[in-house]
Amino acid sequence: MTLPPSDMLCFALHSTAHAVHAAYAPLLHPLGLTYPQYLAISALSARDGMTVSQLGAELRLESNTLTPLLKRMEAAGWLTRSRDTRDERQVRLSLTDAGRDLAERAAEVPRAFAQKTGLQMSEIADLRDILAALRDKLKPAKP
C-alpha cells in the first residue's frame, strides 16, 4: 500500500523547505537579498576570505550554481573575487564595505525567523541538529 504524502517524511521535509523559504522572503526583501545570497553573505561574514570551493562546500552548492550567484553579488558591490596569490587556481572571496554593512543588517534575520516559528531557541537548535544529521547520512559533505 502506498503512503499518502501526509505520512511521508520526504513530503514533510519538502513542504517545510518551501514554507521556510516563503517565511524568509519578507525578511530578506527589504535587504535586497535572495535566500542563496543571504546564505553566502552570512558565510562570508563569519569567515571572510574563503575560497569559492570552501564556500561551495559550506553551502553544499555546486560551482555551476555558485558562480552565477557570486557574479551577481560582485556586480551588486557586495564582494570581490580575486585569485589567491599562493595558488592562482583558487579564487578568494572578500566582502566589500557594502557587503559587510549588508551582513550587519542581515544579522537580525535569524532572530526574526525564530520568532516566526514560535519555537524556543533550544528547539530550533535540536531540530537543526536532527536535520543536519539526516542530511549528512543521506549525502555526506565533500572534503
N, C-alpha and C. Protein backbone atom coordinates (compact mmCIF):
# COMPACT_ATOMS: atom_id res chain seq x y z
N MET A 1 0.84 -1.19 0.00
CA MET A 1 0.00 0.00 0.00
C MET A 1 0.88 1.25 0.00
N THR A 2 0.59 2.15 -0.85
CA THR A 2 1.34 3.39 -0.95
C THR A 2 0.89 4.36 0.14
N LEU A 3 1.84 5.02 0.75
CA LEU A 3 1.53 6.02 1.78
C LEU A 3 1.03 7.30 1.12
N PRO A 4 0.08 7.96 1.76
CA PRO A 4 -0.29 9.29 1.26
C PRO A 4 0.84 10.27 1.60
N PRO A 5 1.00 11.33 0.82
CA PRO A 5 2.09 12.28 1.09
C PRO A 5 2.12 12.79 2.53
N SER A 6 0.97 12.98 3.13
CA SER A 6 0.95 13.50 4.51
C SER A 6 1.63 12.58 5.51
N ASP A 7 1.83 11.31 5.15
CA ASP A 7 2.51 10.35 6.03
C ASP A 7 3.98 10.13 5.66
N MET A 8 4.46 10.82 4.64
CA MET A 8 5.83 10.63 4.14
C MET A 8 6.78 11.67 4.72
N LEU A 9 7.92 11.19 5.19
CA LEU A 9 8.96 12.10 5.67
C LEU A 9 9.41 13.03 4.55
N CYS A 10 9.58 12.49 3.36
CA CYS A 10 10.06 13.31 2.24
C CYS A 10 9.13 14.49 1.97
N PHE A 11 7.82 14.25 2.06
CA PHE A 11 6.88 15.35 1.83
C PHE A 11 6.94 16.38 2.95
N ALA A 12 7.06 15.92 4.19
CA ALA A 12 7.17 16.86 5.31
C ALA A 12 8.41 17.74 5.14
N LEU A 13 9.52 17.14 4.73
CA LEU A 13 10.74 17.92 4.53
C LEU A 13 10.59 18.89 3.35
N HIS A 14 10.05 18.39 2.24
CA HIS A 14 9.88 19.21 1.04
C HIS A 14 8.95 20.40 1.30
N SER A 15 7.80 20.14 1.87
CA SER A 15 6.84 21.21 2.11
C SER A 15 7.35 22.20 3.16
N THR A 16 8.11 21.69 4.13
CA THR A 16 8.70 22.58 5.14
C THR A 16 9.76 23.47 4.51
N ALA A 17 10.56 22.92 3.61
CA ALA A 17 11.57 23.74 2.93
C ALA A 17 10.91 24.89 2.17
N HIS A 18 9.81 24.60 1.50
CA HIS A 18 9.09 25.66 0.80
C HIS A 18 8.55 26.71 1.78
N ALA A 19 8.01 26.25 2.90
CA ALA A 19 7.49 27.17 3.90
C ALA A 19 8.60 28.04 4.50
N VAL A 20 9.77 27.43 4.73
CA VAL A 20 10.90 28.18 5.27
C VAL A 20 11.34 29.27 4.29
N HIS A 21 11.46 28.93 3.02
CA HIS A 21 11.85 29.93 2.01
C HIS A 21 10.82 31.04 1.95
N ALA A 22 9.54 30.69 2.01
CA ALA A 22 8.49 31.70 1.97
C ALA A 22 8.54 32.61 3.20
N ALA A 23 8.88 32.04 4.35
CA ALA A 23 8.98 32.84 5.58
C ALA A 23 10.18 33.77 5.56
N TYR A 24 11.25 33.36 4.90
CA TYR A 24 12.44 34.21 4.81
C TYR A 24 12.26 35.35 3.83
N ALA A 25 11.46 35.15 2.79
CA ALA A 25 11.34 36.15 1.72
C ALA A 25 11.03 37.56 2.24
N PRO A 26 10.01 37.75 3.10
CA PRO A 26 9.74 39.12 3.56
C PRO A 26 10.82 39.68 4.49
N LEU A 27 11.63 38.81 5.08
CA LEU A 27 12.73 39.28 5.92
C LEU A 27 13.91 39.73 5.07
N LEU A 28 14.10 39.08 3.92
CA LEU A 28 15.25 39.38 3.06
C LEU A 28 14.96 40.44 2.01
N HIS A 29 13.70 40.55 1.62
CA HIS A 29 13.34 41.51 0.56
C HIS A 29 13.78 42.95 0.87
N PRO A 30 13.54 43.45 2.09
CA PRO A 30 13.99 44.83 2.39
C PRO A 30 15.51 45.01 2.28
N LEU A 31 16.25 43.92 2.41
CA LEU A 31 17.70 43.98 2.30
C LEU A 31 18.16 43.82 0.85
N GLY A 32 17.24 43.45 -0.04
CA GLY A 32 17.59 43.23 -1.44
C GLY A 32 18.29 41.91 -1.67
N LEU A 33 18.08 40.95 -0.76
CA LEU A 33 18.76 39.66 -0.83
C LEU A 33 17.82 38.54 -1.19
N THR A 34 18.32 37.60 -1.98
CA THR A 34 17.64 36.33 -2.16
C THR A 34 18.13 35.40 -1.05
N TYR A 35 17.45 34.28 -0.88
CA TYR A 35 17.86 33.33 0.15
C TYR A 35 19.28 32.81 -0.09
N PRO A 36 19.65 32.38 -1.31
CA PRO A 36 21.03 31.92 -1.51
C PRO A 36 22.06 33.04 -1.27
N GLN A 37 21.73 34.27 -1.64
CA GLN A 37 22.65 35.38 -1.39
C GLN A 37 22.81 35.60 0.11
N TYR A 38 21.71 35.47 0.84
CA TYR A 38 21.75 35.62 2.29
C TYR A 38 22.69 34.57 2.91
N LEU A 39 22.59 33.34 2.45
CA LEU A 39 23.47 32.30 2.97
C LEU A 39 24.93 32.61 2.67
N ALA A 40 25.21 33.07 1.45
CA ALA A 40 26.59 33.40 1.07
C ALA A 40 27.12 34.57 1.89
N ILE A 41 26.32 35.61 2.05
CA ILE A 41 26.73 36.78 2.85
C ILE A 41 26.99 36.34 4.30
N SER A 42 26.12 35.51 4.83
CA SER A 42 26.28 35.03 6.21
C SER A 42 27.56 34.22 6.37
N ALA A 43 27.82 33.33 5.41
CA ALA A 43 29.03 32.51 5.48
C ALA A 43 30.28 33.37 5.39
N LEU A 44 30.28 34.34 4.47
CA LEU A 44 31.46 35.20 4.33
C LEU A 44 31.61 36.15 5.51
N SER A 45 30.51 36.54 6.11
CA SER A 45 30.59 37.38 7.29
C SER A 45 31.26 36.62 8.44
N ALA A 46 30.98 35.33 8.51
CA ALA A 46 31.58 34.50 9.56
C ALA A 46 33.03 34.17 9.25
N ARG A 47 33.36 34.05 7.95
CA ARG A 47 34.73 33.65 7.56
C ARG A 47 35.08 34.31 6.23
N ASP A 48 35.37 35.58 6.27
CA ASP A 48 35.71 36.33 5.07
C ASP A 48 37.03 35.81 4.50
N GLY A 49 37.13 35.84 3.19
CA GLY A 49 38.37 35.43 2.54
C GLY A 49 38.42 33.97 2.15
N MET A 50 37.32 33.24 2.35
CA MET A 50 37.35 31.83 1.95
C MET A 50 37.35 31.71 0.44
N THR A 51 37.73 30.56 -0.05
CA THR A 51 37.75 30.32 -1.48
C THR A 51 36.35 29.96 -1.97
N VAL A 52 36.17 30.04 -3.27
CA VAL A 52 34.89 29.65 -3.86
C VAL A 52 34.58 28.20 -3.51
N SER A 53 35.58 27.33 -3.59
CA SER A 53 35.34 25.92 -3.28
C SER A 53 34.99 25.73 -1.80
N GLN A 54 35.60 26.49 -0.91
CA GLN A 54 35.24 26.39 0.50
C GLN A 54 33.80 26.84 0.74
N LEU A 55 33.41 27.93 0.09
CA LEU A 55 32.04 28.42 0.23
C LEU A 55 31.06 27.40 -0.35
N GLY A 56 31.39 26.83 -1.51
CA GLY A 56 30.54 25.82 -2.10
C GLY A 56 30.36 24.63 -1.19
N ALA A 57 31.44 24.21 -0.54
CA ALA A 57 31.36 23.07 0.38
C ALA A 57 30.49 23.43 1.58
N GLU A 58 30.66 24.62 2.11
CA GLU A 58 29.89 25.03 3.28
C GLU A 58 28.40 25.13 2.95
N LEU A 59 28.09 25.69 1.78
CA LEU A 59 26.68 25.87 1.40
C LEU A 59 26.12 24.66 0.64
N ARG A 60 27.01 23.68 0.36
CA ARG A 60 26.60 22.49 -0.39
C ARG A 60 26.01 22.87 -1.75
N LEU A 61 26.72 23.78 -2.41
CA LEU A 61 26.33 24.21 -3.75
C LEU A 61 27.42 23.86 -4.74
N GLU A 62 27.03 23.40 -5.89
CA GLU A 62 27.98 23.10 -6.96
C GLU A 62 28.42 24.41 -7.60
N SER A 63 29.59 24.39 -8.24
CA SER A 63 30.13 25.62 -8.84
C SER A 63 29.22 26.17 -9.93
N ASN A 64 28.48 25.31 -10.64
CA ASN A 64 27.61 25.83 -11.70
C ASN A 64 26.43 26.61 -11.13
N THR A 65 26.11 26.42 -9.87
CA THR A 65 25.09 27.21 -9.18
C THR A 65 25.73 28.40 -8.48
N LEU A 66 26.87 28.18 -7.87
CA LEU A 66 27.53 29.20 -7.06
C LEU A 66 28.14 30.32 -7.90
N THR A 67 28.77 30.01 -9.01
CA THR A 67 29.46 31.03 -9.80
C THR A 67 28.52 32.15 -10.27
N PRO A 68 27.36 31.85 -10.87
CA PRO A 68 26.48 32.95 -11.27
C PRO A 68 25.99 33.77 -10.07
N LEU A 69 25.75 33.11 -8.95
CA LEU A 69 25.33 33.80 -7.73
C LEU A 69 26.41 34.79 -7.30
N LEU A 70 27.67 34.34 -7.29
CA LEU A 70 28.78 35.20 -6.87
C LEU A 70 29.00 36.34 -7.85
N LYS A 71 28.82 36.09 -9.13
CA LYS A 71 28.96 37.16 -10.13
C LYS A 71 27.92 38.24 -9.90
N ARG A 72 26.68 37.84 -9.60
CA ARG A 72 25.63 38.84 -9.32
C ARG A 72 25.94 39.62 -8.05
N MET A 73 26.47 38.93 -7.05
CA MET A 73 26.81 39.61 -5.80
C MET A 73 27.98 40.56 -5.98
N GLU A 74 28.92 40.18 -6.83
CA GLU A 74 30.05 41.07 -7.14
C GLU A 74 29.54 42.28 -7.90
N ALA A 75 28.65 42.08 -8.87
CA ALA A 75 28.09 43.19 -9.64
C ALA A 75 27.30 44.14 -8.74
N ALA A 76 26.69 43.61 -7.68
CA ALA A 76 25.95 44.44 -6.73
C ALA A 76 26.88 45.21 -5.80
N GLY A 77 28.18 44.87 -5.83
CA GLY A 77 29.15 45.57 -4.99
C GLY A 77 29.29 45.00 -3.59
N TRP A 78 28.83 43.76 -3.37
CA TRP A 78 28.87 43.18 -2.03
C TRP A 78 30.12 42.37 -1.75
N LEU A 79 30.79 41.91 -2.82
CA LEU A 79 32.00 41.12 -2.61
C LEU A 79 32.93 41.29 -3.79
N THR A 80 34.17 40.87 -3.57
CA THR A 80 35.15 40.83 -4.65
C THR A 80 35.65 39.40 -4.78
N ARG A 81 36.00 39.05 -6.00
CA ARG A 81 36.60 37.75 -6.29
C ARG A 81 38.00 38.04 -6.81
N SER A 82 38.99 37.37 -6.22
CA SER A 82 40.36 37.58 -6.68
C SER A 82 41.13 36.26 -6.60
N ARG A 83 42.11 36.13 -7.49
CA ARG A 83 42.95 34.93 -7.49
C ARG A 83 43.80 34.91 -6.24
N ASP A 84 43.91 33.74 -5.65
CA ASP A 84 44.76 33.54 -4.48
C ASP A 84 46.20 33.77 -4.91
N THR A 85 46.95 34.54 -4.14
CA THR A 85 48.34 34.85 -4.50
C THR A 85 49.25 33.63 -4.38
N ARG A 86 48.89 32.66 -3.53
CA ARG A 86 49.70 31.45 -3.37
C ARG A 86 49.32 30.33 -4.33
N ASP A 87 48.04 30.33 -4.76
CA ASP A 87 47.56 29.29 -5.66
C ASP A 87 46.54 29.93 -6.60
N GLU A 88 47.00 30.29 -7.79
CA GLU A 88 46.15 31.03 -8.72
C GLU A 88 44.96 30.22 -9.23
N ARG A 89 44.93 28.94 -8.94
CA ARG A 89 43.75 28.14 -9.32
C ARG A 89 42.57 28.45 -8.41
N GLN A 90 42.85 28.98 -7.23
CA GLN A 90 41.82 29.28 -6.24
C GLN A 90 41.37 30.73 -6.36
N VAL A 91 40.07 30.94 -6.20
CA VAL A 91 39.51 32.29 -6.19
C VAL A 91 39.03 32.58 -4.77
N ARG A 92 39.54 33.67 -4.22
CA ARG A 92 39.18 34.09 -2.86
C ARG A 92 38.04 35.09 -2.92
N LEU A 93 37.18 35.03 -1.94
CA LEU A 93 36.02 35.91 -1.84
C LEU A 93 36.17 36.80 -0.62
N SER A 94 35.95 38.08 -0.83
CA SER A 94 36.04 39.04 0.27
C SER A 94 34.86 39.98 0.22
N LEU A 95 34.25 40.20 1.36
CA LEU A 95 33.17 41.17 1.42
C LEU A 95 33.72 42.58 1.26
N THR A 96 33.00 43.41 0.55
CA THR A 96 33.33 44.82 0.44
C THR A 96 32.75 45.53 1.67
N ASP A 97 32.99 46.82 1.79
CA ASP A 97 32.36 47.57 2.88
C ASP A 97 30.84 47.46 2.78
N ALA A 98 30.31 47.55 1.56
CA ALA A 98 28.86 47.42 1.37
C ALA A 98 28.39 46.02 1.77
N GLY A 99 29.18 45.01 1.47
CA GLY A 99 28.84 43.64 1.85
C GLY A 99 28.85 43.45 3.35
N ARG A 100 29.83 44.05 4.02
CA ARG A 100 29.89 43.95 5.49
C ARG A 100 28.71 44.70 6.12
N ASP A 101 28.36 45.85 5.55
CA ASP A 101 27.20 46.59 6.04
C ASP A 101 25.93 45.76 5.86
N LEU A 102 25.79 45.13 4.71
CA LEU A 102 24.63 44.28 4.44
C LEU A 102 24.59 43.10 5.42
N ALA A 103 25.73 42.48 5.66
CA ALA A 103 25.79 41.36 6.60
C ALA A 103 25.38 41.81 8.00
N GLU A 104 25.80 43.00 8.37
CA GLU A 104 25.43 43.53 9.69
C GLU A 104 23.92 43.73 9.79
N ARG A 105 23.31 44.27 8.72
CA ARG A 105 21.85 44.46 8.71
C ARG A 105 21.13 43.12 8.68
N ALA A 106 21.71 42.13 8.03
CA ALA A 106 21.10 40.81 7.93
C ALA A 106 21.25 40.00 9.23
N ALA A 107 22.06 40.47 10.14
CA ALA A 107 22.28 39.75 11.39
C ALA A 107 21.01 39.61 12.23
N GLU A 108 20.01 40.44 11.96
CA GLU A 108 18.74 40.35 12.69
C GLU A 108 17.79 39.30 12.12
N VAL A 109 18.10 38.81 10.93
CA VAL A 109 17.19 37.88 10.25
C VAL A 109 16.98 36.58 11.05
N PRO A 110 18.01 35.94 11.59
CA PRO A 110 17.77 34.70 12.34
C PRO A 110 16.81 34.89 13.53
N ARG A 111 16.94 35.99 14.23
CA ARG A 111 16.05 36.25 15.36
C ARG A 111 14.61 36.43 14.88
N ALA A 112 14.45 37.20 13.80
CA ALA A 112 13.11 37.43 13.25
C ALA A 112 12.49 36.12 12.74
N PHE A 113 13.31 35.28 12.11
CA PHE A 113 12.80 33.99 11.64
C PHE A 113 12.42 33.11 12.83
N ALA A 114 13.26 33.09 13.85
CA ALA A 114 12.96 32.28 15.04
C ALA A 114 11.63 32.68 15.65
N GLN A 115 11.36 33.98 15.68
CA GLN A 115 10.07 34.45 16.21
C GLN A 115 8.92 33.93 15.37
N LYS A 116 9.09 33.89 14.04
CA LYS A 116 8.03 33.38 13.16
C LYS A 116 7.72 31.92 13.44
N THR A 117 8.71 31.15 13.85
CA THR A 117 8.49 29.71 14.06
C THR A 117 7.68 29.43 15.31
N GLY A 118 7.77 30.31 16.30
CA GLY A 118 7.11 30.06 17.57
C GLY A 118 7.84 29.03 18.42
N LEU A 119 9.01 28.59 17.96
CA LEU A 119 9.79 27.61 18.70
C LEU A 119 10.77 28.31 19.64
N GLN A 120 11.15 27.59 20.70
CA GLN A 120 12.20 28.07 21.58
C GLN A 120 13.55 27.87 20.89
N MET A 121 14.55 28.65 21.27
CA MET A 121 15.87 28.53 20.64
C MET A 121 16.44 27.12 20.82
N SER A 122 16.20 26.49 21.95
CA SER A 122 16.70 25.13 22.16
C SER A 122 16.00 24.15 21.21
N GLU A 123 14.73 24.36 20.94
CA GLU A 123 14.00 23.50 19.99
C GLU A 123 14.53 23.70 18.57
N ILE A 124 14.82 24.95 18.22
CA ILE A 124 15.39 25.24 16.90
C ILE A 124 16.74 24.56 16.75
N ALA A 125 17.57 24.65 17.77
CA ALA A 125 18.90 24.01 17.72
C ALA A 125 18.77 22.50 17.61
N ASP A 126 17.86 21.91 18.36
CA ASP A 126 17.65 20.45 18.29
C ASP A 126 17.17 20.04 16.90
N LEU A 127 16.21 20.77 16.36
CA LEU A 127 15.69 20.47 15.03
C LEU A 127 16.78 20.61 13.97
N ARG A 128 17.57 21.67 14.07
CA ARG A 128 18.69 21.88 13.14
C ARG A 128 19.65 20.70 13.19
N ASP A 129 19.97 20.25 14.38
CA ASP A 129 20.92 19.15 14.54
C ASP A 129 20.37 17.84 13.98
N ILE A 130 19.09 17.57 14.19
CA ILE A 130 18.47 16.36 13.66
C ILE A 130 18.48 16.40 12.13
N LEU A 131 18.09 17.55 11.56
CA LEU A 131 18.06 17.67 10.10
C LEU A 131 19.46 17.59 9.50
N ALA A 132 20.44 18.20 10.14
CA ALA A 132 21.81 18.13 9.64
C ALA A 132 22.34 16.70 9.69
N ALA A 133 22.00 15.97 10.74
CA ALA A 133 22.44 14.57 10.85
C ALA A 133 21.79 13.73 9.74
N LEU A 134 20.52 13.97 9.47
CA LEU A 134 19.83 13.25 8.39
C LEU A 134 20.47 13.59 7.05
N ARG A 135 20.69 14.87 6.81
CA ARG A 135 21.33 15.31 5.56
C ARG A 135 22.68 14.64 5.38
N ASP A 136 23.48 14.61 6.43
CA ASP A 136 24.82 14.05 6.34
C ASP A 136 24.81 12.54 6.12
N LYS A 137 23.79 11.86 6.62
CA LYS A 137 23.67 10.43 6.37
C LYS A 137 23.28 10.17 4.92
N LEU A 138 22.44 11.03 4.38
CA LEU A 138 21.97 10.85 3.00
C LEU A 138 22.97 11.34 1.98
N LYS A 139 23.69 12.41 2.29
CA LYS A 139 24.65 12.98 1.36
C LYS A 139 25.77 13.65 2.15
N PRO A 140 26.80 12.90 2.50
CA PRO A 140 27.92 13.48 3.26
C PRO A 140 28.55 14.64 2.51
N ALA A 141 29.09 15.58 3.27
CA ALA A 141 29.78 16.72 2.67
C ALA A 141 31.00 16.26 1.91
N LYS A 142 31.30 16.98 0.84
CA LYS A 142 32.53 16.68 0.08
C LYS A 142 33.70 17.25 0.85
N PRO A 143 34.84 16.56 0.82
CA PRO A 143 36.03 17.05 1.55
C PRO A 143 36.57 18.33 0.96
